């Protein structure tokens, strides 16, 4: 029986920091969206746009873990770095930047 393979601490810290920033991003801009809506509920496009960085961090963390377990260490490191650049590309494609 083989021992489970876990991500190294540096990648866990990187992904944790990215997730923390994404959650802070969500709450800060949620408050901005609610204050500018003047009583109206935020649309689902706002919610998806605000949650996109956190969802990307979770998806890339899963991908990094799978790559690390398969022995593709360099690809796992790249996958762990990708969430914020992908979020920026997504926001630029949506016209938000």
N, C-alpha and C. Protein backbone atom coordinates (compact mmCIF):
# COMPACT_ATOMS: atom_id res chain seq x y z
N UNK A 1 0.83 -1.17 0.00
CA UNK A 1 0.00 0.00 0.00
C UNK A 1 0.89 1.25 0.00
N UNK A 2 0.56 2.21 -0.85
CA UNK A 2 1.38 3.41 -0.94
C UNK A 2 0.82 4.51 -0.04
N UNK A 3 1.71 5.36 0.41
CA UNK A 3 1.30 6.49 1.24
C UNK A 3 0.67 7.57 0.37
N UNK A 4 -0.30 8.30 0.89
CA UNK A 4 -0.90 9.37 0.10
C UNK A 4 0.11 10.48 -0.17
N UNK A 5 0.00 11.06 -1.34
CA UNK A 5 0.90 12.13 -1.74
C UNK A 5 0.18 13.46 -1.54
N UNK A 6 0.77 14.34 -0.75
CA UNK A 6 0.16 15.63 -0.46
C UNK A 6 0.97 16.74 -1.12
N UNK A 7 0.32 17.85 -1.35
CA UNK A 7 1.02 19.03 -1.87
C UNK A 7 2.03 19.52 -0.84
N UNK A 8 3.15 20.06 -1.29
CA UNK A 8 4.09 20.62 -0.32
C UNK A 8 3.52 21.88 0.34
N UNK A 9 4.10 22.25 1.45
CA UNK A 9 3.60 23.37 2.24
C UNK A 9 3.60 24.67 1.45
N UNK A 10 4.62 24.90 0.63
CA UNK A 10 4.69 26.17 -0.12
C UNK A 10 3.53 26.31 -1.09
N UNK A 11 3.10 25.21 -1.71
CA UNK A 11 1.95 25.29 -2.62
C UNK A 11 0.65 25.45 -1.85
N UNK A 12 0.55 24.81 -0.69
CA UNK A 12 -0.64 24.99 0.15
C UNK A 12 -0.75 26.43 0.60
N UNK A 13 0.38 27.03 1.00
CA UNK A 13 0.37 28.43 1.43
C UNK A 13 0.02 29.36 0.28
N UNK A 14 0.54 29.08 -0.90
CA UNK A 14 0.23 29.90 -2.08
C UNK A 14 -1.25 29.83 -2.41
N UNK A 15 -1.80 28.64 -2.46
CA UNK A 15 -3.22 28.48 -2.76
C UNK A 15 -4.10 29.06 -1.66
N UNK A 16 -3.68 28.90 -0.40
CA UNK A 16 -4.44 29.49 0.71
C UNK A 16 -4.45 31.01 0.66
N UNK A 17 -3.30 31.60 0.32
CA UNK A 17 -3.24 33.06 0.21
C UNK A 17 -4.11 33.55 -0.95
N UNK A 18 -4.07 32.84 -2.07
CA UNK A 18 -4.90 33.22 -3.20
C UNK A 18 -6.38 33.10 -2.87
N UNK A 19 -6.75 32.06 -2.16
CA UNK A 19 -8.14 31.89 -1.77
C UNK A 19 -8.58 32.99 -0.79
N UNK A 20 -7.71 33.34 0.13
CA UNK A 20 -8.04 34.41 1.08
C UNK A 20 -8.24 35.74 0.35
N UNK A 21 -7.37 36.05 -0.59
CA UNK A 21 -7.51 37.29 -1.36
C UNK A 21 -8.78 37.25 -2.21
N UNK A 22 -9.09 36.09 -2.79
CA UNK A 22 -10.30 35.97 -3.60
C UNK A 22 -11.56 36.16 -2.76
N UNK A 23 -11.57 35.64 -1.55
CA UNK A 23 -12.73 35.81 -0.67
C UNK A 23 -12.85 37.27 -0.22
N UNK A 24 -11.73 37.92 0.09
CA UNK A 24 -11.76 39.34 0.44
C UNK A 24 -12.23 40.17 -0.75
N UNK A 25 -11.78 39.81 -1.94
CA UNK A 25 -12.24 40.47 -3.16
C UNK A 25 -13.75 40.35 -3.29
N UNK A 26 -14.27 39.15 -3.06
CA UNK A 26 -15.70 38.93 -3.17
C UNK A 26 -16.46 39.81 -2.19
N UNK A 27 -16.07 39.83 -0.92
CA UNK A 27 -16.81 40.59 0.08
C UNK A 27 -16.70 42.10 -0.14
N UNK A 28 -15.53 42.58 -0.54
CA UNK A 28 -15.38 44.01 -0.77
C UNK A 28 -16.25 44.47 -1.94
N UNK A 29 -16.17 43.76 -3.05
CA UNK A 29 -16.94 44.19 -4.21
C UNK A 29 -18.42 43.84 -4.09
N UNK A 30 -18.75 42.88 -3.24
CA UNK A 30 -20.16 42.62 -2.94
C UNK A 30 -20.76 43.84 -2.24
N UNK A 31 -20.02 44.38 -1.29
CA UNK A 31 -20.53 45.56 -0.60
C UNK A 31 -20.65 46.74 -1.55
N UNK A 32 -19.72 46.86 -2.48
CA UNK A 32 -19.81 47.93 -3.48
C UNK A 32 -21.02 47.73 -4.39
N UNK A 33 -21.26 46.50 -4.80
CA UNK A 33 -22.39 46.20 -5.68
C UNK A 33 -23.71 46.48 -4.97
N UNK A 34 -23.82 46.09 -3.73
CA UNK A 34 -25.06 46.32 -2.98
C UNK A 34 -25.29 47.81 -2.74
N UNK A 35 -24.22 48.53 -2.44
CA UNK A 35 -24.40 49.97 -2.17
C UNK A 35 -24.76 50.73 -3.44
N UNK A 36 -24.26 50.31 -4.59
CA UNK A 36 -24.59 50.99 -5.85
C UNK A 36 -25.92 50.55 -6.43
N UNK A 37 -26.44 49.41 -5.98
CA UNK A 37 -27.70 48.89 -6.52
C UNK A 37 -28.90 49.67 -5.98
N UNK A 38 -28.73 50.38 -4.89
CA UNK A 38 -29.78 51.21 -4.29
C UNK A 38 -31.06 50.42 -4.04
N UNK A 39 -30.93 49.33 -3.31
CA UNK A 39 -32.10 48.57 -2.91
C UNK A 39 -32.43 47.39 -3.80
N UNK A 40 -31.89 47.36 -5.02
CA UNK A 40 -32.15 46.22 -5.90
C UNK A 40 -31.20 45.08 -5.54
N UNK A 41 -31.64 43.89 -5.82
CA UNK A 41 -30.79 42.72 -5.59
C UNK A 41 -29.73 42.65 -6.69
N UNK A 42 -28.57 42.13 -6.34
CA UNK A 42 -27.51 41.97 -7.33
C UNK A 42 -27.91 40.88 -8.32
N UNK A 43 -27.51 41.05 -9.56
CA UNK A 43 -27.86 40.07 -10.60
C UNK A 43 -26.96 38.85 -10.49
N UNK A 44 -27.34 37.78 -11.18
CA UNK A 44 -26.53 36.57 -11.13
C UNK A 44 -25.21 36.79 -11.85
N UNK A 45 -25.16 37.71 -12.83
CA UNK A 45 -23.88 38.02 -13.49
C UNK A 45 -22.90 38.63 -12.50
N UNK A 46 -23.42 39.48 -11.60
CA UNK A 46 -22.56 40.04 -10.57
C UNK A 46 -22.01 38.94 -9.65
N UNK A 47 -22.88 38.05 -9.26
CA UNK A 47 -22.45 36.97 -8.36
C UNK A 47 -21.41 36.06 -9.02
N UNK A 48 -21.63 35.71 -10.27
CA UNK A 48 -20.68 34.85 -10.97
C UNK A 48 -19.35 35.56 -11.16
N UNK A 49 -19.42 36.83 -11.53
CA UNK A 49 -18.20 37.59 -11.72
C UNK A 49 -17.40 37.76 -10.43
N UNK A 50 -18.10 37.98 -9.33
CA UNK A 50 -17.42 38.15 -8.06
C UNK A 50 -16.88 36.84 -7.51
N UNK A 51 -17.55 35.73 -7.79
CA UNK A 51 -17.11 34.43 -7.29
C UNK A 51 -16.07 33.77 -8.19
N UNK A 52 -15.85 34.31 -9.39
CA UNK A 52 -14.94 33.67 -10.34
C UNK A 52 -13.53 33.46 -9.78
N UNK A 53 -12.90 34.43 -9.13
CA UNK A 53 -11.54 34.16 -8.61
C UNK A 53 -11.50 33.01 -7.59
N UNK A 54 -12.47 32.95 -6.70
CA UNK A 54 -12.49 31.87 -5.71
C UNK A 54 -12.72 30.52 -6.38
N UNK A 55 -13.60 30.49 -7.37
CA UNK A 55 -13.84 29.23 -8.09
C UNK A 55 -12.61 28.80 -8.87
N UNK A 56 -11.89 29.76 -9.45
CA UNK A 56 -10.66 29.43 -10.17
C UNK A 56 -9.59 28.89 -9.22
N UNK A 57 -9.50 29.45 -8.02
CA UNK A 57 -8.53 28.95 -7.05
C UNK A 57 -8.85 27.51 -6.68
N UNK A 58 -10.12 27.21 -6.45
CA UNK A 58 -10.49 25.84 -6.10
C UNK A 58 -10.25 24.87 -7.25
N UNK A 59 -10.57 25.29 -8.47
CA UNK A 59 -10.35 24.42 -9.64
C UNK A 59 -8.86 24.19 -9.87
N UNK A 60 -8.06 25.24 -9.77
CA UNK A 60 -6.62 25.08 -9.99
C UNK A 60 -5.96 24.30 -8.85
N UNK A 61 -6.48 24.42 -7.63
CA UNK A 61 -5.95 23.62 -6.52
C UNK A 61 -6.21 22.14 -6.75
N UNK A 62 -7.40 21.83 -7.25
CA UNK A 62 -7.71 20.44 -7.56
C UNK A 62 -6.81 19.91 -8.68
N UNK A 63 -6.62 20.74 -9.70
CA UNK A 63 -5.74 20.35 -10.81
C UNK A 63 -4.31 20.17 -10.33
N UNK A 64 -3.82 21.07 -9.49
CA UNK A 64 -2.46 20.97 -8.97
C UNK A 64 -2.27 19.71 -8.14
N UNK A 65 -3.26 19.38 -7.34
CA UNK A 65 -3.16 18.16 -6.53
C UNK A 65 -3.12 16.92 -7.41
N UNK A 66 -3.96 16.88 -8.43
CA UNK A 66 -3.94 15.72 -9.34
C UNK A 66 -2.62 15.61 -10.08
N UNK A 67 -2.09 16.74 -10.55
CA UNK A 67 -0.81 16.71 -11.25
C UNK A 67 0.32 16.31 -10.32
N UNK A 68 0.28 16.80 -9.08
CA UNK A 68 1.33 16.44 -8.12
C UNK A 68 1.31 14.95 -7.83
N UNK A 69 0.13 14.38 -7.69
CA UNK A 69 0.02 12.94 -7.41
C UNK A 69 0.47 12.09 -8.59
N UNK A 70 0.35 12.62 -9.80
CA UNK A 70 0.80 11.88 -10.98
C UNK A 70 2.29 12.05 -11.25
N UNK A 71 2.96 12.86 -10.43
CA UNK A 71 4.40 13.04 -10.59
C UNK A 71 4.79 14.19 -11.50
N UNK A 72 3.86 14.97 -11.94
CA UNK A 72 4.15 16.11 -12.81
C UNK A 72 4.27 17.37 -11.94
N UNK A 73 5.39 17.47 -11.25
CA UNK A 73 5.60 18.50 -10.24
C UNK A 73 5.61 19.92 -10.84
N UNK A 74 6.31 20.12 -11.95
CA UNK A 74 6.39 21.45 -12.55
C UNK A 74 5.02 21.92 -13.04
N UNK A 75 4.26 21.03 -13.62
CA UNK A 75 2.92 21.39 -14.08
C UNK A 75 2.01 21.72 -12.89
N UNK A 76 2.22 21.05 -11.77
CA UNK A 76 1.43 21.34 -10.57
C UNK A 76 1.74 22.72 -10.03
N UNK A 77 3.01 23.12 -10.07
CA UNK A 77 3.39 24.46 -9.62
C UNK A 77 2.77 25.51 -10.54
N UNK A 78 2.79 25.28 -11.83
CA UNK A 78 2.18 26.22 -12.78
C UNK A 78 0.68 26.30 -12.54
N UNK A 79 0.04 25.17 -12.30
CA UNK A 79 -1.41 25.17 -12.03
C UNK A 79 -1.73 25.93 -10.74
N UNK A 80 -0.83 25.90 -9.77
CA UNK A 80 -1.06 26.61 -8.52
C UNK A 80 -0.90 28.12 -8.69
N UNK A 81 -0.13 28.55 -9.67
CA UNK A 81 0.08 29.98 -9.91
C UNK A 81 -1.02 30.56 -10.81
N UNK A 82 -1.70 29.75 -11.58
CA UNK A 82 -2.64 30.21 -12.60
C UNK A 82 -3.92 30.94 -12.17
N UNK A 83 -4.48 30.77 -10.99
CA UNK A 83 -5.80 31.36 -10.72
C UNK A 83 -5.91 32.86 -10.96
N UNK A 84 -4.98 33.66 -10.47
CA UNK A 84 -5.13 35.10 -10.63
C UNK A 84 -4.90 35.56 -12.07
N UNK A 85 -3.92 35.04 -12.79
CA UNK A 85 -3.83 35.43 -14.20
C UNK A 85 -5.08 35.03 -14.99
N UNK A 86 -5.64 33.87 -14.70
CA UNK A 86 -6.87 33.47 -15.38
C UNK A 86 -8.04 34.37 -15.01
N UNK A 87 -8.10 34.80 -13.75
CA UNK A 87 -9.17 35.71 -13.34
C UNK A 87 -9.03 37.05 -14.06
N UNK A 88 -7.81 37.54 -14.19
CA UNK A 88 -7.60 38.80 -14.91
C UNK A 88 -8.00 38.68 -16.38
N UNK A 89 -7.65 37.56 -17.01
CA UNK A 89 -8.05 37.34 -18.40
C UNK A 89 -9.57 37.27 -18.50
N UNK A 90 -10.21 36.60 -17.55
CA UNK A 90 -11.66 36.50 -17.55
C UNK A 90 -12.32 37.86 -17.39
N UNK A 91 -11.76 38.69 -16.49
CA UNK A 91 -12.33 40.04 -16.31
C UNK A 91 -12.09 40.90 -17.52
N UNK A 92 -10.94 40.74 -18.18
CA UNK A 92 -10.70 41.52 -19.40
C UNK A 92 -11.64 41.08 -20.51
N UNK A 93 -11.89 39.78 -20.61
CA UNK A 93 -12.82 39.28 -21.64
C UNK A 93 -14.24 39.76 -21.37
N UNK A 94 -14.59 39.94 -20.10
CA UNK A 94 -15.92 40.42 -19.76
C UNK A 94 -16.04 41.94 -19.87
N UNK A 95 -14.92 42.61 -20.09
CA UNK A 95 -14.94 44.05 -20.22
C UNK A 95 -14.89 44.79 -18.91
N UNK A 96 -14.50 44.13 -17.83
CA UNK A 96 -14.48 44.76 -16.52
C UNK A 96 -13.17 45.49 -16.25
N UNK A 97 -12.13 45.18 -17.02
CA UNK A 97 -10.82 45.82 -16.79
C UNK A 97 -10.50 46.69 -17.97
